Amino acid sequence: LLLKRKKTLKAAEKDMEHANNELEEAAKKKEKLDHDMTVAFPKYKEDFDGDATSLKEFVKALKNFKLDATLVDYAATCFAKRASERRSFDSLVIVEVETSLKEALALVTELLAAGDLSKSTKSQAIEVAKETLAKAEASELELEDTVKNATKETLAK
């Protein structure tokens, strides 16, 4: 029984650690998304500044945010153009990229909120497991004392 309680606690702690890691990754992703939505995207939306390296990094970020691959390819071409060279199709691509980034940001925000709730639930599960383990240990000690006393009584007779 005691071993089972220890395994339950260990599993709950491992589950919590895994959830914490996922939350950290989601928080980093949200931070990157926030930055790209407020800094990088507006820069490319308005006009290409000629910095091909930062454009490549932005396009890579779009891929990492799991935007549609075809859209990302079109975005790379579109954002590499000066504003005066863009056509109506480029405007559609820009709107679609903006919409997709907003959706990705909303999804990550939702994931973080759900993760916080899950983290709270997992913390409660760990506390319950610790309490149950403590009770089982106390019960085992009490049982050992009872066995010792019974043994002494038997030997005394």
Protein backbone atom coordinates (compact mmCIF):
# COMPACT_ATOMS: atom_id res chain seq x y z
CA LEU A 1 0.00 0.00 0.00
CA LEU A 2 2.80 2.39 0.91
CA LEU A 3 4.71 1.61 -2.28
CA LYS A 4 1.57 2.24 -4.30
CA ARG A 5 1.13 5.66 -2.62
CA LYS A 6 4.76 6.58 -3.36
CA LYS A 7 4.31 5.62 -7.01
CA THR A 8 1.14 7.71 -7.20
CA LEU A 9 2.95 10.74 -5.78
CA LYS A 10 5.92 10.27 -8.10
CA ALA A 11 3.61 9.99 -11.12
CA ALA A 12 1.74 13.15 -10.09
CA GLU A 13 5.00 15.06 -9.66
CA LYS A 14 6.27 13.85 -13.04
CA ASP A 15 2.99 14.86 -14.66
CA MET A 16 3.31 18.30 -13.07
CA GLU A 17 6.88 18.68 -14.34
CA HIS A 18 5.78 17.76 -17.86
CA ALA A 19 2.91 20.26 -17.68
CA ASN A 20 5.28 22.98 -16.44
CA ASN A 21 7.63 22.34 -19.36
CA GLU A 22 4.75 22.57 -21.83
CA LEU A 23 3.59 25.83 -20.23
CA GLU A 24 7.09 27.29 -20.45
CA GLU A 25 7.29 26.40 -24.13
CA ALA A 26 3.86 27.91 -24.78
CA ALA A 27 4.82 31.07 -22.91
CA LYS A 28 7.96 31.44 -25.03
CA LYS A 29 5.92 30.88 -28.18
CA LYS A 30 3.41 33.51 -27.07
CA GLU A 31 6.20 35.97 -26.34
CA LYS A 32 7.64 35.40 -29.83
CA LEU A 33 4.19 35.73 -31.39
CA ASP A 34 3.54 38.96 -29.50
CA HIS A 35 6.86 40.35 -30.72
CA ASP A 36 6.26 39.33 -34.31
CA MET A 37 2.72 40.74 -34.26
CA THR A 38 3.80 44.10 -32.85
CA VAL A 39 7.27 44.57 -34.35
CA ALA A 40 8.16 42.32 -37.28
CA PHE A 41 4.79 41.99 -39.04
CA PRO A 42 3.96 45.73 -39.08
CA LYS A 43 7.43 46.43 -40.48
CA TYR A 44 6.94 44.07 -43.42
CA LYS A 45 3.30 44.92 -43.84
CA GLU A 46 4.15 48.56 -44.55
CA ASP A 47 7.26 48.13 -46.68
CA PHE A 48 10.33 45.96 -47.16
CA ASP A 49 13.39 47.60 -45.64
CA GLY A 50 15.90 45.58 -47.63
CA ASP A 51 17.04 43.45 -44.67
CA ALA A 52 16.87 39.97 -46.19
CA THR A 53 18.25 38.29 -43.05
CA SER A 54 15.50 39.58 -40.77
CA LEU A 55 12.91 38.72 -43.42
CA LYS A 56 14.22 35.13 -43.50
CA GLU A 57 13.95 34.98 -39.69
CA PHE A 58 10.39 36.29 -39.84
CA VAL A 59 9.42 33.75 -42.52
CA LYS A 60 11.01 31.00 -40.42
CA ALA A 61 8.92 32.18 -37.45
CA LEU A 62 5.78 31.99 -39.59
CA LYS A 63 6.63 28.37 -40.36
CA ASN A 64 7.25 27.66 -36.68
CA PHE A 65 3.83 29.11 -35.84
CA LYS A 66 2.41 26.40 -38.10
CA LEU A 67 0.94 28.79 -40.66
CA ASP A 68 -0.09 27.20 -43.94
CA ALA A 69 3.07 26.40 -45.93
CA THR A 70 1.71 27.87 -49.15
CA LEU A 71 0.72 31.06 -47.35
CA VAL A 72 4.21 31.31 -45.86
CA ASP A 73 5.75 30.93 -49.33
CA TYR A 74 3.52 33.68 -50.71
CA ALA A 75 4.27 35.84 -47.68
CA ALA A 76 8.01 35.51 -48.22
CA THR A 77 7.60 36.71 -51.80
CA CYS A 78 5.16 39.46 -50.86
CA PHE A 79 7.16 40.88 -47.96
CA ALA A 80 10.34 40.93 -50.07
CA LYS A 81 8.70 43.53 -52.35
CA ARG A 82 8.67 47.26 -51.84
CA ALA A 83 5.17 48.57 -51.05
CA SER A 84 5.02 50.29 -54.44
CA GLU A 85 5.63 46.94 -56.19
CA ARG A 86 2.86 45.04 -54.43
CA ARG A 87 -0.36 44.10 -56.16
CA SER A 88 -3.84 43.19 -54.95
CA PHE A 89 -2.88 39.54 -54.44
CA ASP A 90 -0.08 40.69 -52.13
CA SER A 91 -2.65 42.64 -50.11
CA LEU A 92 -4.70 39.46 -49.72
CA VAL A 93 -1.62 37.57 -48.57
CA ILE A 94 -0.87 40.27 -45.98
CA VAL A 95 -4.42 40.14 -44.63
CA GLU A 96 -4.32 36.35 -44.47
CA VAL A 97 -0.95 36.34 -42.66
CA GLU A 98 -2.28 38.86 -40.15
CA THR A 99 -5.42 36.79 -39.57
CA SER A 100 -3.39 33.61 -39.18
CA LEU A 101 -1.01 35.24 -36.70
CA LYS A 102 -3.94 36.52 -34.65
CA GLU A 103 -5.48 33.03 -34.64
CA ALA A 104 -2.16 31.48 -33.58
CA LEU A 105 -1.82 34.04 -30.80
CA ALA A 106 -5.37 33.37 -29.60
CA LEU A 107 -4.71 29.62 -29.64
CA VAL A 108 -1.51 29.94 -27.60
CA THR A 109 -3.23 32.31 -25.16
CA GLU A 110 -6.03 29.78 -24.75
CA LEU A 111 -3.50 26.98 -24.27
CA LEU A 112 -1.76 28.97 -21.53
CA ALA A 113 -5.05 29.66 -19.76
CA ALA A 114 -5.99 25.97 -19.91
CA GLY A 115 -2.49 25.06 -18.77
CA ASP A 116 -2.77 27.31 -15.73
CA LEU A 117 -6.03 25.60 -14.79
CA SER A 118 -4.47 22.19 -15.40
CA LYS A 119 -1.44 23.18 -13.33
CA SER A 120 -3.71 24.10 -10.44
CA THR A 121 -5.50 20.75 -10.70
CA LYS A 122 -2.19 18.89 -10.83
CA SER A 123 -0.93 20.79 -7.78
CA GLN A 124 -4.03 19.69 -5.91
CA ALA A 125 -3.44 16.10 -7.01
CA ILE A 126 0.12 16.26 -5.67
CA GLU A 127 -1.10 17.62 -2.34
CA VAL A 128 -3.69 14.86 -2.07
CA ALA A 129 -1.06 12.26 -2.96
CA LYS A 130 1.31 13.67 -0.30
CA GLU A 131 -1.43 13.61 2.32
CA THR A 132 -2.42 10.07 1.39
CA LEU A 133 1.21 8.97 1.54
CA ALA A 134 1.66 10.60 4.95
CA LYS A 135 -1.45 8.83 6.24
CA ALA A 136 -0.25 5.51 4.82
CA GLU A 137 3.16 5.95 6.44
CA ALA A 138 1.54 6.81 9.78
CA SER A 139 -0.76 3.84 9.44
CA GLU A 140 2.18 1.56 8.68
CA LEU A 141 4.09 2.82 11.74
CA GLU A 142 1.01 2.27 13.89
CA LEU A 143 0.65 -1.23 12.50
CA GLU A 144 4.33 -1.99 13.20
CA ASP A 145 3.87 -0.79 16.80
CA THR A 146 0.80 -2.99 17.17
CA VAL A 147 2.72 -6.01 15.86
CA LYS A 148 5.66 -5.30 18.21
CA ASN A 149 3.34 -4.95 21.19
CA ALA A 150 1.47 -8.11 20.28
CA THR A 151 4.77 -9.96 19.92
CA LYS A 152 5.94 -8.72 23.33
CA GLU A 153 2.66 -9.79 24.92
CA THR A 154 2.87 -13.20 23.30
CA LEU A 155 6.45 -13.70 24.44
CA ALA A 156 5.61 -12.52 27.96
CA LYS A 157 2.97 -15.22 28.38
